[in-house]
N, C-alpha and C. Protein backbone atom coordinates (compact mmCIF):
# COMPACT_ATOMS: atom_id res chain seq x y z
N MET A 1 1.35 -1.39 0.00
CA MET A 1 0.16 -0.29 0.15
C MET A 1 1.06 1.39 -0.47
N SER A 2 0.92 2.37 -0.77
CA SER A 2 1.37 3.38 -1.41
C SER A 2 0.82 4.02 -0.12
N GLY A 3 2.17 5.50 0.42
CA GLY A 3 2.46 6.10 1.25
C GLY A 3 1.07 7.17 1.26
N ASP A 4 0.67 7.79 0.60
CA ASP A 4 -0.80 7.81 -0.55
C ASP A 4 -2.45 7.32 -0.33
N GLU A 5 -2.08 6.21 -0.72
CA GLU A 5 -3.74 5.63 -0.21
C GLU A 5 -3.67 5.52 0.76
N PRO A 6 -5.31 5.64 1.64
CA PRO A 6 -5.98 5.58 2.96
C PRO A 6 -6.18 4.24 3.00
N GLN A 7 -5.70 3.79 3.93
CA GLN A 7 -6.12 2.67 4.79
C GLN A 7 -7.58 2.73 5.24
N ARG A 8 -8.42 0.89 4.63
CA ARG A 8 -9.84 0.87 4.64
C ARG A 8 -10.23 0.20 5.07
N ILE A 9 -10.46 0.40 6.49
CA ILE A 9 -10.70 -0.84 7.63
C ILE A 9 -12.32 -1.03 7.83
N THR A 10 -12.62 -2.34 7.93
CA THR A 10 -14.10 -2.28 8.06
C THR A 10 -14.39 -3.41 9.33
N PHE A 11 -15.66 -2.81 10.03
CA PHE A 11 -16.35 -2.76 11.27
C PHE A 11 -17.09 -2.32 11.12
N SER A 12 -18.08 -3.28 11.72
CA SER A 12 -19.79 -2.37 12.28
C SER A 12 -19.77 -2.01 13.66
N LYS A 13 -20.78 -1.74 13.81
CA LYS A 13 -21.36 -0.03 14.88
C LYS A 13 -22.63 0.01 14.97
N LYS A 14 -22.98 -0.15 17.05
CA LYS A 14 -24.50 0.26 17.61
C LYS A 14 -24.02 1.41 17.36
N VAL A 15 -25.63 1.69 16.70
CA VAL A 15 -25.74 3.29 16.44
C VAL A 15 -26.50 3.56 17.50
N ASP A 16 -26.93 4.66 18.54
CA ASP A 16 -27.37 4.54 19.32
C ASP A 16 -28.36 5.37 19.14
N LYS A 17 -29.83 6.27 19.32
CA LYS A 17 -30.83 5.92 19.29
C LYS A 17 -30.71 7.88 18.76
N ASP A 18 -29.91 8.59 19.20
CA ASP A 18 -29.65 9.74 18.36
C ASP A 18 -28.20 9.63 17.65
N GLY A 19 -28.55 8.80 17.36
CA GLY A 19 -27.74 8.38 16.16
C GLY A 19 -25.94 9.06 16.14
N ARG A 20 -25.87 8.47 17.07
CA ARG A 20 -23.77 8.77 17.70
C ARG A 20 -22.93 7.41 17.78
N MET A 21 -22.34 7.85 17.21
CA MET A 21 -21.44 5.58 17.28
C MET A 21 -19.55 6.31 17.40
N VAL A 22 -19.18 5.10 17.85
CA VAL A 22 -17.36 5.41 18.87
C VAL A 22 -17.20 4.42 18.04
N VAL A 23 -16.44 6.10 17.14
CA VAL A 23 -14.73 4.74 16.96
C VAL A 23 -14.37 4.13 17.57
N PRO A 24 -14.40 2.49 17.33
CA PRO A 24 -12.79 1.86 18.85
C PRO A 24 -11.57 2.38 18.44
N LYS A 25 -11.23 2.46 19.82
CA LYS A 25 -9.64 2.54 20.18
C LYS A 25 -8.45 2.41 18.98
N GLU A 26 -8.71 0.69 18.70
CA GLU A 26 -7.97 0.27 18.18
C GLU A 26 -8.39 0.16 16.53
N HIS A 27 -10.14 1.11 16.03
CA HIS A 27 -9.65 0.56 15.14
C HIS A 27 -9.06 2.28 14.11
N ARG A 28 -9.11 3.87 15.66
CA ARG A 28 -8.96 4.84 15.77
C ARG A 28 -6.34 4.53 15.76
N GLN A 29 -6.72 3.94 16.16
CA GLN A 29 -4.84 3.36 16.14
C GLN A 29 -4.59 3.01 14.89
N ALA A 30 -5.16 2.18 14.44
CA ALA A 30 -5.36 1.46 13.07
C ALA A 30 -4.78 2.44 11.92
N LEU A 31 -5.91 3.77 11.72
CA LEU A 31 -5.84 4.62 11.10
C LEU A 31 -5.36 5.65 11.60
N THR A 32 -4.06 5.99 11.96
CA THR A 32 -3.70 7.18 12.00
C THR A 32 -4.38 8.12 13.10
N ILE A 33 -5.46 8.20 13.51
CA ILE A 33 -5.95 8.90 14.20
C ILE A 33 -6.50 9.35 15.42
N ASP A 34 -5.69 7.67 15.97
CA ASP A 34 -5.61 8.07 18.02
C ASP A 34 -5.09 9.30 17.94
N GLY A 35 -6.26 10.20 18.79
CA GLY A 35 -5.73 11.31 20.07
C GLY A 35 -5.37 12.90 18.44
N ARG A 36 -5.86 12.93 17.61
CA ARG A 36 -5.94 13.41 16.23
C ARG A 36 -7.35 13.67 16.15
N GLU A 37 -7.58 15.84 15.17
CA GLU A 37 -8.03 15.58 15.30
C GLU A 37 -8.59 15.86 13.53
N ALA A 38 -9.21 14.49 12.60
CA ALA A 38 -9.89 14.08 11.08
C ALA A 38 -10.28 13.95 10.45
N LEU A 39 -10.93 13.77 9.01
CA LEU A 39 -11.59 13.90 8.60
C LEU A 39 -11.32 12.37 8.09
N VAL A 40 -12.62 11.57 8.18
CA VAL A 40 -12.70 9.27 8.13
C VAL A 40 -14.01 9.58 7.77
N GLU A 41 -13.92 9.04 6.35
CA GLU A 41 -14.93 8.94 5.04
C GLU A 41 -15.63 7.46 5.64
N PHE A 42 -17.01 7.62 5.77
CA PHE A 42 -17.96 6.24 6.51
C PHE A 42 -18.12 6.02 4.88
N GLU A 43 -18.69 4.57 4.96
CA GLU A 43 -19.80 4.26 4.21
C GLU A 43 -20.82 3.36 4.66
N ALA A 44 -21.77 3.54 5.09
CA ALA A 44 -23.20 3.36 5.92
C ALA A 44 -24.10 2.56 5.50
N LYS A 45 -24.49 0.90 6.05
CA LYS A 45 -25.27 0.43 5.17
C LYS A 45 -26.11 -0.32 6.16
N LYS A 46 -26.56 -0.51 6.83
CA LYS A 46 -27.83 -0.68 8.12
C LYS A 46 -28.12 -1.65 8.31
N ILE A 47 -27.66 -2.65 8.75
CA ILE A 47 -28.13 -3.84 8.66
C ILE A 47 -29.29 -4.40 9.29
N THR A 48 -29.45 -3.79 10.43
CA THR A 48 -30.95 -4.49 11.28
C THR A 48 -30.93 -3.50 12.51
N TYR A 49 -31.89 -3.16 12.84
CA TYR A 49 -32.45 -2.80 13.97
C TYR A 49 -32.27 -3.22 15.22
N LEU A 50 -32.16 -3.09 16.20
CA LEU A 50 -31.55 -3.53 17.21
C LEU A 50 -32.90 -2.98 18.17
N ASP A 51 -34.30 -2.47 17.98
CA ASP A 51 -34.97 -2.45 19.42
C ASP A 51 -36.53 -3.26 18.62
N GLU A 52 -36.15 -4.53 17.10
CA GLU A 52 -37.70 -5.40 17.26
C GLU A 52 -37.29 -6.04 16.79
N ASP A 53 -38.45 -6.87 18.19
CA ASP A 53 -38.29 -8.25 18.16
C ASP A 53 -37.52 -9.23 16.33
N ASP A 54 -38.46 -8.97 15.57
CA ASP A 54 -37.91 -9.79 13.71
C ASP A 54 -37.34 -9.22 13.29
N GLY A 55 -35.74 -7.77 13.92
CA GLY A 55 -35.05 -7.93 12.99
C GLY A 55 -34.76 -7.01 12.04
N GLY A 56 -36.18 -6.59 12.28
CA GLY A 56 -36.28 -4.73 11.40
C GLY A 56 -35.56 -4.67 10.10
N ASP A 57 -35.67 -6.13 9.33
CA ASP A 57 -34.21 -5.18 7.63
C ASP A 57 -35.73 -4.21 6.85
N GLU A 58 -36.25 -4.52 6.84
CA GLU A 58 -37.62 -3.61 5.60
C GLU A 58 -38.37 -3.04 6.43
């Protein structure tokens, strides 16, 4: 991987009822942004709702 190419890390993460999520420390460290301000691009896809018995995919 060249120095100019951004590192990609794939993970799934719970989003709270206010639409917030926390990037885990190990992912921040792997992206070399731990302890720094950074702009991080996310591509998001809803997988399931956690507050519905049937999964709520549809």
